[in-house]
Amino acid sequence: MYEIVDRERSGGNRFGRYIVRFYTSCVGVKRLYLVSSFTSYIPGRFVMRRSGDICDAWTRLWEGYYPYFFVDSLFDVYEDDNPNKIEMNFLDRRIKASIADVGIERLKRSLEEGGLHPDYIEHVETDPVFLSRYIDKIVIRLRALKNEVRDVDVIAIDYEGGRRIYNMEKFFTDDYYDYFETYVNKDLARYIFTLDLGNKKVFYGYNGFEDTRYIEPRKIFGYPRKTWWIGTIYYLIFPDSFYNADPNNDPPNKISPEIIPRPRGFLGGDLKGVIEKIDHLKKLGIEAIYMTPIHLSPSYHRYDVSDYFSIDPYLGDENDLKRLIEKAHLEDIKIIIDLVPHHASPCIKEMIEILKEGKRSRFWRWFRFIINDLDELDEETRELFREFILKRCEEVPEKLREKKPFYETFLGTWRMINWNHDEEEVINFFRAYVRYWLSLGIDGLRIDVAHGIPDHSIENIFKELRTFGEDKILILEIMNDITNYELGINSVLAMNYDLYNMSLRFFINKEIDAYEYVKSLNKIYSKLPIYTANSLYNLLGSHDTPRIYTVINKDIRLLKIMYTLLFIIYGSPSIYYGDEIGMEGGGDPDNRRAMIWDEKLWNREIYEHIKRLIKLRKKFETLRIGFTRLYPIDRDTLVIKRFLDEESIIGVFTRENIRRRYLVIKPSQIKIKYPEKRFVIDLREGYRVLRHRSSRPRDVEVLL
């Protein structure tokens, strides 16, 4: 079950997110997890705490319908007595999930009854979604129930006593709320809102509606200077598949790169291969390399790490990494490596000691065991597991695969044992990891399965990383609904799988129209701090997705449209190795084929288009750090406007496969100052990118 306990409050009567308690009986169950859309439907973020026969977990949520259920250590699902349920997929089966109505029905009733609802006028100055420092600006946001507030001004006082009034733009309306935004060019000491309600104007201050006391923020989250990770251009490398420059460190029994589809196994790529191919990335225009795990591991993908403080010898050594960092930095390219704090290989040395000492080992509490001690294991399981360890965890014995692991795992595989992030020594272990690798000069970390790790653990990793400077970043892997995570506070950014999934639904599967697509993209933008939105790791492909060229059935026109959108929209575009030359591949592991280095086999049309997009993004700073507005034009067409000061970059995109299509847009539709009543856009390629400056309103420059 669940209960709404309260709402966050700022001042006396300004409300924020709902405080929600989820609870269920846990008699006879060792451990339960809360699973929902706000955990990407993976257990781990919220461990249920036991009090007698009841286990509960608390979280803070905005209004919404949230499917939820409870899962034990073996992924068995526990239903509660909530009568409101839906059927959904979980892992390999269909289950019944309960529905938590967090404020939605009350919100609907408020809309239906009309009038004014001051408790739905929201601004929380301690939340960077509503107040954030962004380079030379301070961004201020407020939201109110739809159509209840006509207009909003901010009266801002700087530290010298100067007073200015800023009008807030209503930049987005969803099913329930109007969203307002403005920015202040000077520093901000205190401020208050004036709300135009149509029949009167009222103040909205520290204590909320009709209060005249100014809001005085104690701390404003954000970044006062431009930094490389806002709007940068990433390139994702899967090291084993990229390039083999050193045959001396090749693994035995390599697989052939000629085998299609690619099987699991080593191809032999290494760090020297990345060093040797830096020139390819420089020529393309890449600004940051993100590499999947490089640590000692029994597998070719290395997500089952057996030593977090060494580099897999099949890839090279620490000196190779240092040389890679040095060469990359000489070319102004940053290096991000993959940290896997959710799970490890059972062949990690701490687990080996546990097998010797059992529960007496100091490391017993470092992992999540289902049994109480090793003596509970039957002899066959003991022997099979010993065989697994002796063979360096490279292959799970067939009979062992038929049994359930005696420890918590990532998605049920014996190869990956889950860390216990409730244990302080585990937190310290990963803080030590951060210190070790950051001291070598890397520029940041990507956190694997971040949606399955408690928030406090991610926060500790982030704090440790930031001791090396604000230019060091933490990228979270979040597979679903990034707006329900503490982005901007306990990390800066995440992989934007929400954009990826919505783009597939709009452009490829055509499950949604442009109105729904824009609404989804606006939801992300409006519910994240501006510096986070402009830093999101945007993708059309990764080591976890089928190749985009295969997904779109080699439709180059559509691929160019989607990549152009990726480079125009808020966030940081990324390229999965080989996607820039039109590589093909299905799901894992076929999406990890050997990189093609024979240029005669490259798709030059794709390659040259991506190079043009990179040059465009580097030329116009508005595309890197500008604000964003999105407008649906019709069911198939949308406009993305990026703007900064007097400049606007306008991207127009359609999924209609019509070669001779001209689109007529009124300037008022996209809110630009253009002296004519309309302008005509050539959309025969499916996209068009334009530049407009308010100082020269008649000129519209075609960029692409």
Foldseek 3Di string as FASTA:
>chain_A
DKDFDAFDDFFAQATDWTKMKDKAFQVPADWKFKAKLLLVRFGAAWTFPDDPRMTMTIDTHHFDKIWIWMAGLQRDTDDHPQPAWDWDDHQHDIDITHIDGRCPVVLVVDVVVDDADQNQWHADQVALLAWAAAAQKIKGKIKHWPLQFDWKKKWFAAPVRDTDIGTWDQFDDDPTMTMTMDIDRHHGQWMWMWTHRPVDIAIQARNGTNDPHIDGDPDHFYDRHDFQLQQAEEEEDAQQQEDAPDPVLADPPADDLPDPLDDWGGNQGALVSCVVCVVVCLLLQHQEYEYEAQAADLGSSCLAHQDLQWGHSSHNGPVSVLSSCVSCVVSNYAYAYEDEQFWHFCLHVLNVVCLVVWPVRPCPLFFAFQDPTPVVDDPVLNVQVVVCNVVVVNDRDPVNLVDFDRARADSGDNGITGTDVVDVVSLVVLLVSLVNVVVSPHQEYEYPSQSNHHLVSLLSNQVSNCVSHPNRFYEYEDQGDPLSHSDSHSGPEYAPNVLLVLCCCVQPVNVAFPVVSQNSLVVVCSSHNLSHQSSYEYENDDQAFFQNCVSNVNPVLSVLLVVLCQQQGRHYYYHYQQSQFRDGAHGPPSNSRRHDPPSVSGNVVSNVSSSLSSVVCVVDVLSRRFDWHKAADDRFKIKIWGDDDFKIKIKIFGSDQAQFDKDKDACVRVVADAPDRIDIDGCNSRMWIWMAGNVCRPDIHTSD
